[in-house]
PDB file of all heavy atoms in Angstrom:
ATOM      1  N   PRO A   1      65.953  12.061 -73.744  1.00  0.00           N
ATOM      2  CA  PRO A   1      66.240  10.756 -74.363  1.00  0.00           C
ATOM      3  C   PRO A   1      65.042   9.902 -74.309  1.00  0.00           C
ATOM      4  O   PRO A   1      64.156   9.992 -73.413  1.00  0.00           O
ATOM      5  CB  PRO A   1      67.405  10.215 -73.593  1.00  0.00           C
ATOM      6  CG  PRO A   1      67.198  10.717 -72.244  1.00  0.00           C
ATOM      7  CD  PRO A   1      66.611  12.024 -72.322  1.00  0.00           C
ATOM      8  N   GLY A   2      64.947   8.902 -75.230  1.00  0.00           N
ATOM      9  CA  GLY A   2      63.877   7.909 -75.269  1.00  0.00           C
ATOM     10  C   GLY A   2      64.275   6.704 -74.463  1.00  0.00           C
ATOM     11  O   GLY A   2      65.152   6.759 -73.578  1.00  0.00           O
ATOM     12  N   ASN A   3      63.613   5.650 -74.795  1.00  0.00           N
ATOM     13  CA  ASN A   3      63.955   4.311 -74.059  1.00  0.00           C
ATOM     14  C   ASN A   3      65.110   3.706 -74.745  1.00  0.00           C
ATOM     15  O   ASN A   3      65.632   4.184 -75.778  1.00  0.00           O
ATOM     16  CB  ASN A   3      62.657   3.403 -74.070  1.00  0.00           C
ATOM     17  CG  ASN A   3      62.236   3.015 -75.375  1.00  0.00           C
ATOM     18  OD1 ASN A   3      62.907   2.454 -76.162  1.00  0.00           O
ATOM     19  ND2 ASN A   3      60.949   3.330 -75.694  1.00  0.00           N
ATOM     20  N   ASP A   4      65.565   2.558 -74.252  1.00  0.00           N
ATOM     21  CA  ASP A   4      66.770   1.929 -74.834  1.00  0.00           C
ATOM     22  C   ASP A   4      66.537   0.852 -75.748  1.00  0.00           C
ATOM     23  O   ASP A   4      67.431   0.176 -76.201  1.00  0.00           O
ATOM     24  CB  ASP A   4      67.563   1.337 -73.650  1.00  0.00           C
ATOM     25  CG  ASP A   4      66.901   0.281 -72.808  1.00  0.00           C
ATOM     26  OD1 ASP A   4      65.684   0.093 -73.083  1.00  0.00           O
ATOM     27  OD2 ASP A   4      67.508  -0.163 -71.885  1.00  0.00           O
ATOM     28  N   LYS A   5      65.203   0.667 -76.148  1.00  0.00           N
ATOM     29  CA  LYS A   5      64.957  -0.375 -77.145  1.00  0.00           C
ATOM     30  C   LYS A   5      64.301   0.161 -78.513  1.00  0.00           C
ATOM     31  O   LYS A   5      64.453  -0.455 -79.556  1.00  0.00           O
ATOM     32  CB  LYS A   5      63.870  -1.316 -76.455  1.00  0.00           C
ATOM     33  CG  LYS A   5      64.533  -2.151 -75.390  1.00  0.00           C
ATOM     34  CD  LYS A   5      63.436  -3.145 -74.794  1.00  0.00           C
ATOM     35  CE  LYS A   5      64.098  -3.951 -73.597  1.00  0.00           C
ATOM     36  NZ  LYS A   5      63.104  -4.954 -73.106  1.00  0.00           N
ATOM     37  N   ARG A   6      63.598   1.273 -78.403  1.00  0.00           N
ATOM     38  CA  ARG A   6      62.912   1.691 -79.590  1.00  0.00           C
ATOM     39  C   ARG A   6      62.986   3.268 -79.590  1.00  0.00           C
ATOM     40  O   ARG A   6      63.202   3.874 -78.606  1.00  0.00           O
ATOM     41  CB  ARG A   6      61.430   1.353 -79.603  1.00  0.00           C
ATOM     42  CG  ARG A   6      61.200  -0.083 -79.891  1.00  0.00           C
ATOM     43  CD  ARG A   6      61.429  -0.527 -81.249  1.00  0.00           C
ATOM     44  NE  ARG A   6      61.141  -1.913 -81.588  1.00  0.00           N
ATOM     45  CZ  ARG A   6      62.037  -2.908 -81.374  1.00  0.00           C
ATOM     46  NH1 ARG A   6      63.265  -2.709 -80.964  1.00  0.00           N
ATOM     47  NH2 ARG A   6      61.606  -4.168 -81.659  1.00  0.00           N
ATOM     48  N   TYR A   7      62.856   3.828 -80.856  1.00  0.00           N
ATOM     49  CA  TYR A   7      62.860   5.365 -80.953  1.00  0.00           C
ATOM     50  C   TYR A   7      61.517   5.883 -80.551  1.00  0.00           C
ATOM     51  O   TYR A   7      61.428   7.178 -80.293  1.00  0.00           O
ATOM     52  CB  TYR A   7      63.218   5.731 -82.458  1.00  0.00           C
ATOM     53  CG  TYR A   7      64.624   5.598 -82.728  1.00  0.00           C
ATOM     54  CD1 TYR A   7      65.162   4.384 -83.470  1.00  0.00           C
ATOM     55  CD2 TYR A   7      65.572   6.480 -82.338  1.00  0.00           C
ATOM     56  CE1 TYR A   7      66.454   4.291 -83.793  1.00  0.00           C
ATOM     57  CE2 TYR A   7      66.857   6.367 -82.648  1.00  0.00           C
ATOM     58  CZ  TYR A   7      67.382   5.269 -83.414  1.00  0.00           C
ATOM     59  OH  TYR A   7      68.724   5.130 -83.700  1.00  0.00           O
ATOM     60  N   PHE A   8      60.434   5.059 -80.484  1.00  0.00           N
ATOM     61  CA  PHE A   8      59.166   5.623 -80.048  1.00  0.00           C
ATOM     62  C   PHE A   8      59.123   5.920 -78.571  1.00  0.00           C
ATOM     63  O   PHE A   8      59.422   5.007 -77.819  1.00  0.00           O
ATOM     64  CB  PHE A   8      58.064   4.607 -80.508  1.00  0.00           C
ATOM     65  CG  PHE A   8      56.725   5.107 -80.107  1.00  0.00           C
ATOM     66  CD1 PHE A   8      55.913   5.760 -81.106  1.00  0.00           C
ATOM     67  CD2 PHE A   8      56.126   4.924 -78.933  1.00  0.00           C
ATOM     68  CE1 PHE A   8      54.560   6.165 -80.793  1.00  0.00           C
ATOM     69  CE2 PHE A   8      54.795   5.321 -78.522  1.00  0.00           C
ATOM     70  CZ  PHE A   8      54.033   5.924 -79.635  1.00  0.00           C
ATOM     71  N   PHE A   9      58.761   7.107 -78.212  1.00  0.00           N
ATOM     72  CA  PHE A   9      58.469   7.423 -76.803  1.00  0.00           C
ATOM     73  C   PHE A   9      57.631   8.747 -76.636  1.00  0.00           C
ATOM     74  O   PHE A   9      57.367   9.351 -77.682  1.00  0.00           O
ATOM     75  CB  PHE A   9      59.862   7.607 -76.074  1.00  0.00           C
ATOM     76  CG  PHE A   9      60.683   8.825 -76.353  1.00  0.00           C
ATOM     77  CD1 PHE A   9      60.647   9.940 -75.569  1.00  0.00           C
ATOM     78  CD2 PHE A   9      61.466   8.746 -77.511  1.00  0.00           C
ATOM     79  CE1 PHE A   9      61.444  10.977 -75.929  1.00  0.00           C
ATOM     80  CE2 PHE A   9      62.177   9.900 -77.952  1.00  0.00           C
ATOM     81  CZ  PHE A   9      62.232  11.006 -77.030  1.00  0.00           C
ATOM     82  N   THR A  10      57.203   9.004 -75.510  1.00  0.00           N
ATOM     83  CA  THR A  10      56.399  10.182 -75.244  1.00  0.00           C
ATOM     84  C   THR A  10      57.055  11.119 -74.238  1.00  0.00           C
ATOM     85  O   THR A  10      57.847  10.627 -73.304  1.00  0.00           O
ATOM     86  CB  THR A  10      54.990   9.843 -74.893  1.00  0.00           C
ATOM     87  OG1 THR A  10      55.043   9.242 -73.549  1.00  0.00           O
ATOM     88  CG2 THR A  10      54.376   8.990 -75.874  1.00  0.00           C
ATOM     89  N   HIS A  11      56.696  12.334 -74.167  1.00  0.00           N
ATOM     90  CA  HIS A  11      57.218  13.301 -73.240  1.00  0.00           C
ATOM     91  C   HIS A  11      56.148  14.415 -73.059  1.00  0.00           C
ATOM     92  O   HIS A  11      55.424  14.694 -73.987  1.00  0.00           O
ATOM     93  CB  HIS A  11      58.466  13.904 -73.620  1.00  0.00           C
ATOM     94  CG  HIS A  11      59.078  14.831 -72.616  1.00  0.00           C
ATOM     95  ND1 HIS A  11      59.573  14.409 -71.412  1.00  0.00           N
ATOM     96  CD2 HIS A  11      59.325  16.211 -72.729  1.00  0.00           C
ATOM     97  CE1 HIS A  11      60.108  15.439 -70.812  1.00  0.00           C
ATOM     98  NE2 HIS A  11      59.936  16.510 -71.502  1.00  0.00           N
ATOM     99  N   GLU A  12      55.969  14.937 -71.865  1.00  0.00           N
ATOM    100  CA  GLU A  12      54.942  15.980 -71.523  1.00  0.00           C
ATOM    101  C   GLU A  12      55.700  17.278 -71.212  1.00  0.00           C
ATOM    102  O   GLU A  12      56.572  17.264 -70.336  1.00  0.00           O
ATOM    103  CB  GLU A  12      54.084  15.498 -70.455  1.00  0.00           C
ATOM    104  CG  GLU A  12      52.775  16.373 -70.308  1.00  0.00           C
ATOM    105  CD  GLU A  12      51.780  15.760 -69.314  1.00  0.00           C
ATOM    106  OE1 GLU A  12      51.120  14.778 -69.721  1.00  0.00           O
ATOM    107  OE2 GLU A  12      51.622  16.268 -68.193  1.00  0.00           O
ATOM    108  N   ILE A  13      55.171  18.332 -71.698  1.00  0.00           N
ATOM    109  CA  ILE A  13      55.577  19.739 -71.453  1.00  0.00           C
ATOM    110  C   ILE A  13      54.471  20.573 -71.171  1.00  0.00           C
ATOM    111  O   ILE A  13      53.526  20.714 -72.021  1.00  0.00           O
ATOM    112  CB  ILE A  13      56.438  20.261 -72.544  1.00  0.00           C
ATOM    113  CG1 ILE A  13      57.642  19.353 -72.931  1.00  0.00           C
ATOM    114  CG2 ILE A  13      56.982  21.738 -72.184  1.00  0.00           C
ATOM    115  CD1 ILE A  13      58.472  19.883 -74.083  1.00  0.00           C
ATOM    116  N   ASN A  14      54.354  21.199 -70.001  1.00  0.00           N
ATOM    117  CA  ASN A  14      53.296  22.107 -69.645  1.00  0.00           C
ATOM    118  C   ASN A  14      51.912  21.430 -69.926  1.00  0.00           C
ATOM    119  O   ASN A  14      50.965  22.039 -70.377  1.00  0.00           O
ATOM    120  CB  ASN A  14      53.299  23.422 -70.416  1.00  0.00           C
ATOM    121  CG  ASN A  14      54.624  24.227 -70.125  1.00  0.00           C
ATOM    122  OD1 ASN A  14      55.427  23.797 -69.290  1.00  0.00           O
ATOM    123  ND2 ASN A  14      54.847  25.227 -70.861  1.00  0.00           N
ATOM    124  N   SER A  15      51.793  20.134 -69.603  1.00  0.00           N
ATOM    125  CA  SER A  15      50.647  19.352 -69.790  1.00  0.00           C
ATOM    126  C   SER A  15      50.332  18.976 -71.154  1.00  0.00           C
ATOM    127  O   SER A  15      49.212  18.405 -71.417  1.00  0.00           O
ATOM    128  CB  SER A  15      49.460  19.914 -69.027  1.00  0.00           C
ATOM    129  OG  SER A  15      48.796  20.998 -69.790  1.00  0.00           O
ATOM    130  N   TYR A  16      51.088  19.269 -72.080  1.00  0.00           N
ATOM    131  CA  TYR A  16      50.905  18.936 -73.575  1.00  0.00           C
ATOM    132  C   TYR A  16      51.750  17.743 -73.929  1.00  0.00           C
ATOM    133  O   TYR A  16      52.956  17.704 -73.483  1.00  0.00           O
ATOM    134  CB  TYR A  16      51.224  20.075 -74.600  1.00  0.00           C
ATOM    135  CG  TYR A  16      50.275  21.224 -74.498  1.00  0.00           C
ATOM    136  CD1 TYR A  16      50.536  22.300 -73.598  1.00  0.00           C
ATOM    137  CD2 TYR A  16      49.133  21.251 -75.215  1.00  0.00           C
ATOM    138  CE1 TYR A  16      49.638  23.395 -73.624  1.00  0.00           C
ATOM    139  CE2 TYR A  16      48.257  22.286 -75.219  1.00  0.00           C
ATOM    140  CZ  TYR A  16      48.597  23.358 -74.361  1.00  0.00           C
ATOM    141  OH  TYR A  16      47.639  24.394 -74.357  1.00  0.00           O
ATOM    142  N   LYS A  17      51.222  16.774 -74.545  1.00  0.00           N
ATOM    143  CA  LYS A  17      51.962  15.499 -74.796  1.00  0.00           C
ATOM    144  C   LYS A  17      52.647  15.648 -76.274  1.00  0.00           C
ATOM    145  O   LYS A  17      52.123  16.144 -77.203  1.00  0.00           O
ATOM    146  CB  LYS A  17      51.008  14.371 -74.941  1.00  0.00           C
ATOM    147  CG  LYS A  17      51.696  13.039 -75.196  1.00  0.00           C
ATOM    148  CD  LYS A  17      50.738  11.906 -75.306  1.00  0.00           C
ATOM    149  CE  LYS A  17      50.159  11.550 -73.961  1.00  0.00           C
ATOM    150  NZ  LYS A  17      49.301  10.228 -74.028  1.00  0.00           N
ATOM    151  N   PHE A  18      53.827  15.190 -76.199  1.00  0.00           N
ATOM    152  CA  PHE A  18      54.725  15.067 -77.432  1.00  0.00           C
ATOM    153  C   PHE A  18      54.904  13.594 -77.610  1.00  0.00           C
ATOM    154  O   PHE A  18      55.464  12.836 -76.820  1.00  0.00           O
ATOM    155  CB  PHE A  18      56.002  15.794 -77.292  1.00  0.00           C
ATOM    156  CG  PHE A  18      55.882  17.303 -77.316  1.00  0.00           C
ATOM    157  CD1 PHE A  18      55.394  17.913 -76.201  1.00  0.00           C
ATOM    158  CD2 PHE A  18      56.263  18.052 -78.445  1.00  0.00           C
ATOM    159  CE1 PHE A  18      55.253  19.352 -76.215  1.00  0.00           C
ATOM    160  CE2 PHE A  18      56.083  19.350 -78.447  1.00  0.00           C
ATOM    161  CZ  PHE A  18      55.561  20.117 -77.342  1.00  0.00           C
ATOM    162  N   ILE A  19      54.703  13.112 -78.837  1.00  0.00           N
ATOM    163  CA  ILE A  19      54.882  11.701 -79.257  1.00  0.00           C
ATOM    164  C   ILE A  19      56.013  11.658 -80.237  1.00  0.00           C
ATOM    165  O   ILE A  19      55.838  12.206 -81.377  1.00  0.00           O
ATOM    166  CB  ILE A  19      53.558  11.077 -79.793  1.00  0.00           C
ATOM    167  CG1 ILE A  19      52.449  11.114 -78.758  1.00  0.00           C
ATOM    168  CG2 ILE A  19      53.845   9.715 -80.198  1.00  0.00           C
ATOM    169  CD1 ILE A  19      51.054  10.684 -79.288  1.00  0.00           C
ATOM    170  N   MET A  20      57.054  11.023 -79.985  1.00  0.00           N
ATOM    171  CA  MET A  20      58.205  10.862 -80.907  1.00  0.00           C
ATOM    172  C   MET A  20      58.132   9.499 -81.540  1.00  0.00           C
ATOM    173  O   MET A  20      58.289   8.500 -80.927  1.00  0.00           O
ATOM    174  CB  MET A  20      59.486  11.028 -80.081  1.00  0.00           C
ATOM    175  CG  MET A  20      59.932  12.429 -79.909  1.00  0.00           C
ATOM    176  SD  MET A  20      58.685  13.556 -78.913  1.00  0.00           S
ATOM    177  CE  MET A  20      58.911  12.980 -77.264  1.00  0.00           C
ATOM    178  N   MET A  21      58.033   9.515 -82.840  1.00  0.00           N
ATOM    179  CA  MET A  21      58.005   8.319 -83.668  1.00  0.00           C
ATOM    180  C   MET A  21      59.459   8.196 -84.186  1.00  0.00           C
ATOM    181  O   MET A  21      60.358   8.945 -84.134  1.00  0.00           O
ATOM    182  CB  MET A  21      57.013   8.477 -84.854  1.00  0.00           C
ATOM    183  CG  MET A  21      55.679   8.645 -84.329  1.00  0.00           C
ATOM    184  SD  MET A  21      54.501   8.800 -85.818  1.00  0.00           S
ATOM    185  CE  MET A  21      54.572   7.170 -86.478  1.00  0.00           C
ATOM    186  N   GLY A  22      59.690   6.892 -84.660  1.00  0.00           N
ATOM    187  CA  GLY A  22      60.899   6.523 -85.323  1.00  0.00           C
ATOM    188  C   GLY A  22      60.895   5.189 -85.892  1.00  0.00           C
ATOM    189  O   GLY A  22      60.167   4.284 -85.546  1.00  0.00           O
ATOM    190  N   ALA A  23      61.909   4.922 -86.826  1.00  0.00           N
ATOM    191  CA  ALA A  23      61.860   3.679 -87.530  1.00  0.00           C
ATOM    192  C   ALA A  23      62.122   2.483 -86.532  1.00  0.00           C
ATOM    193  O   ALA A  23      62.918   2.536 -85.623  1.00  0.00           O
ATOM    194  CB  ALA A  23      62.970   3.702 -88.574  1.00  0.00           C
ATOM    195  N   ASP A  24      61.433   1.386 -86.789  1.00  0.00           N
ATOM    196  CA  ASP A  24      61.593   0.177 -86.014  1.00  0.00           C
ATOM    197  C   ASP A  24      62.645  -0.701 -86.560  1.00  0.00           C
ATOM    198  O   ASP A  24      62.949  -1.843 -85.971  1.00  0.00           O
ATOM    199  CB  ASP A  24      60.205  -0.482 -85.854  1.00  0.00           C
ATOM    200  CG  ASP A  24      59.228   0.188 -84.959  1.00  0.00           C
ATOM    201  OD1 ASP A  24      59.637   0.627 -83.838  1.00  0.00           O
ATOM    202  OD2 ASP A  24      58.092   0.221 -85.200  1.00  0.00           O
ATOM    203  N   ARG A  25      63.233  -0.387 -87.734  1.00  0.00           N
ATOM    204  CA  ARG A  25      64.409  -1.089 -88.215  1.00  0.00           C
ATOM    205  C   ARG A  25      65.057  -0.098 -89.107  1.00  0.00           C
ATOM    206  O   ARG A  25      64.531   0.828 -89.650  1.00  0.00           O
ATOM    207  CB  ARG A  25      64.050  -2.356 -88.879  1.00  0.00           C
ATOM    208  CG  ARG A  25      63.276  -2.149 -90.124  1.00  0.00           C
ATOM    209  CD  ARG A  25      62.684  -3.514 -90.721  1.00  0.00           C
ATOM    210  NE  ARG A  25      61.980  -3.389 -91.918  1.00  0.00           N
ATOM    211  CZ  ARG A  25      61.084  -4.195 -92.359  1.00  0.00           C
ATOM    212  NH1 ARG A  25      60.697  -5.232 -91.590  1.00  0.00           N
ATOM    213  NH2 ARG A  25      60.492  -4.064 -93.527  1.00  0.00           N
ATOM    214  N   SER A  26      66.461  -0.437 -89.349  1.00  0.00           N
ATOM    215  CA  SER A  26      67.206   0.406 -90.202  1.00  0.00           C
ATOM    216  C   SER A  26      66.623   0.331 -91.713  1.00  0.00           C
ATOM    217  O   SER A  26      66.334  -0.648 -92.131  1.00  0.00           O
ATOM    218  CB  SER A  26      68.629  -0.025 -90.242  1.00  0.00           C
ATOM    219  OG  SER A  26      69.258   0.335 -88.999  1.00  0.00           O
ATOM    220  N   SER A  27      66.593   1.578 -92.326  1.00  0.00           N
ATOM    221  CA  SER A  27      66.250   1.619 -93.699  1.00  0.00           C
ATOM    222  C   SER A  27      66.957   2.769 -94.364  1.00  0.00           C
ATOM    223  O   SER A  27      67.363   3.631 -93.675  1.00  0.00           O
ATOM    224  CB  SER A  27      64.728   1.722 -93.921  1.00  0.00           C
ATOM    225  OG  SER A  27      64.224   2.883 -93.226  1.00  0.00           O
ATOM    226  N   PHE A  28      67.069   2.809 -95.597  1.00  0.00           N
ATOM    227  CA  PHE A  28      67.939   3.750 -96.232  1.00  0.00           C
ATOM    228  C   PHE A  28      67.270   5.143 -96.374  1.00  0.00           C
ATOM    229  O   PHE A  28      67.912   6.196 -96.127  1.00  0.00           O
ATOM    230  CB  PHE A  28      68.375   3.332 -97.669  1.00  0.00           C
ATOM    231  CG  PHE A  28      69.353   4.163 -98.259  1.00  0.00           C
ATOM    232  CD1 PHE A  28      70.693   4.080 -97.920  1.00  0.00           C
ATOM    233  CD2 PHE A  28      69.132   5.217 -99.197  1.00  0.00           C
ATOM    234  CE1 PHE A  28      71.723   4.897 -98.388  1.00  0.00           C
ATOM    235  CE2 PHE A  28      70.105   6.006 -99.765  1.00  0.00           C
ATOM    236  CZ  PHE A  28      71.425   5.787 -99.311  1.00  0.00           C
ATOM    237  N   GLU A  29      65.974   5.140 -96.680  1.00  0.00           N
ATOM    238  CA  GLU A  29      65.340   6.497 -96.862  1.00  0.00           C
ATOM    239  C   GLU A  29      63.935   6.580 -96.231  1.00  0.00           C
ATOM    240  O   GLU A  29      63.637   7.649 -95.623  1.00  0.00           O
ATOM    241  CB  GLU A  29      65.118   6.753 -98.362  1.00  0.00           C
ATOM    242  CG  GLU A  29      64.596   8.070 -98.765  1.00  0.00           C
ATOM    243  CD  GLU A  29      64.472   8.218-100.284  1.00  0.00           C
ATOM    244  OE1 GLU A  29      65.539   8.343-100.944  1.00  0.00           O
ATOM    245  OE2 GLU A  29      63.388   8.069-100.807  1.00  0.00           O
ATOM    246  N   SER A  30      63.148   5.531 -96.228  1.00  0.00           N
ATOM    247  CA  SER A  30      61.851   5.631 -95.663  1.00  0.00           C
ATOM    248  C   SER A  30      61.921   5.329 -94.070  1.00  0.00           C
ATOM    249  O   SER A  30      63.079   5.240 -93.586  1.00  0.00           O
ATOM    250  CB  SER A  30      60.892   4.646 -96.296  1.00  0.00           C
ATOM    251  OG  SER A  30      61.400   3.256 -96.158  1.00  0.00           O
ATOM    252  N   SER A  31      60.802   5.119 -93.448  1.00  0.00           N
ATOM    253  CA  SER A  31      60.821   4.769 -92.085  1.00  0.00           C
ATOM    254  C   SER A  31      59.830   3.724 -91.705  1.00  0.00           C
ATOM    255  O   SER A  31      58.588   3.996 -91.579  1.00  0.00           O
ATOM    256  CB  SER A  31      60.496   6.146 -91.252  1.00  0.00           C
ATOM    257  OG  SER A  31      60.569   5.836 -89.947  1.00  0.00           O
TER     258      SER A  31
END
């Protein structure tokens, strides 16, 4: 899971970084 305020967060697996992006507000189709 990410943090409790935004969809943006990071996670590391086997020393490789994963960056999870996400909309900062609700929108119908774009982000």
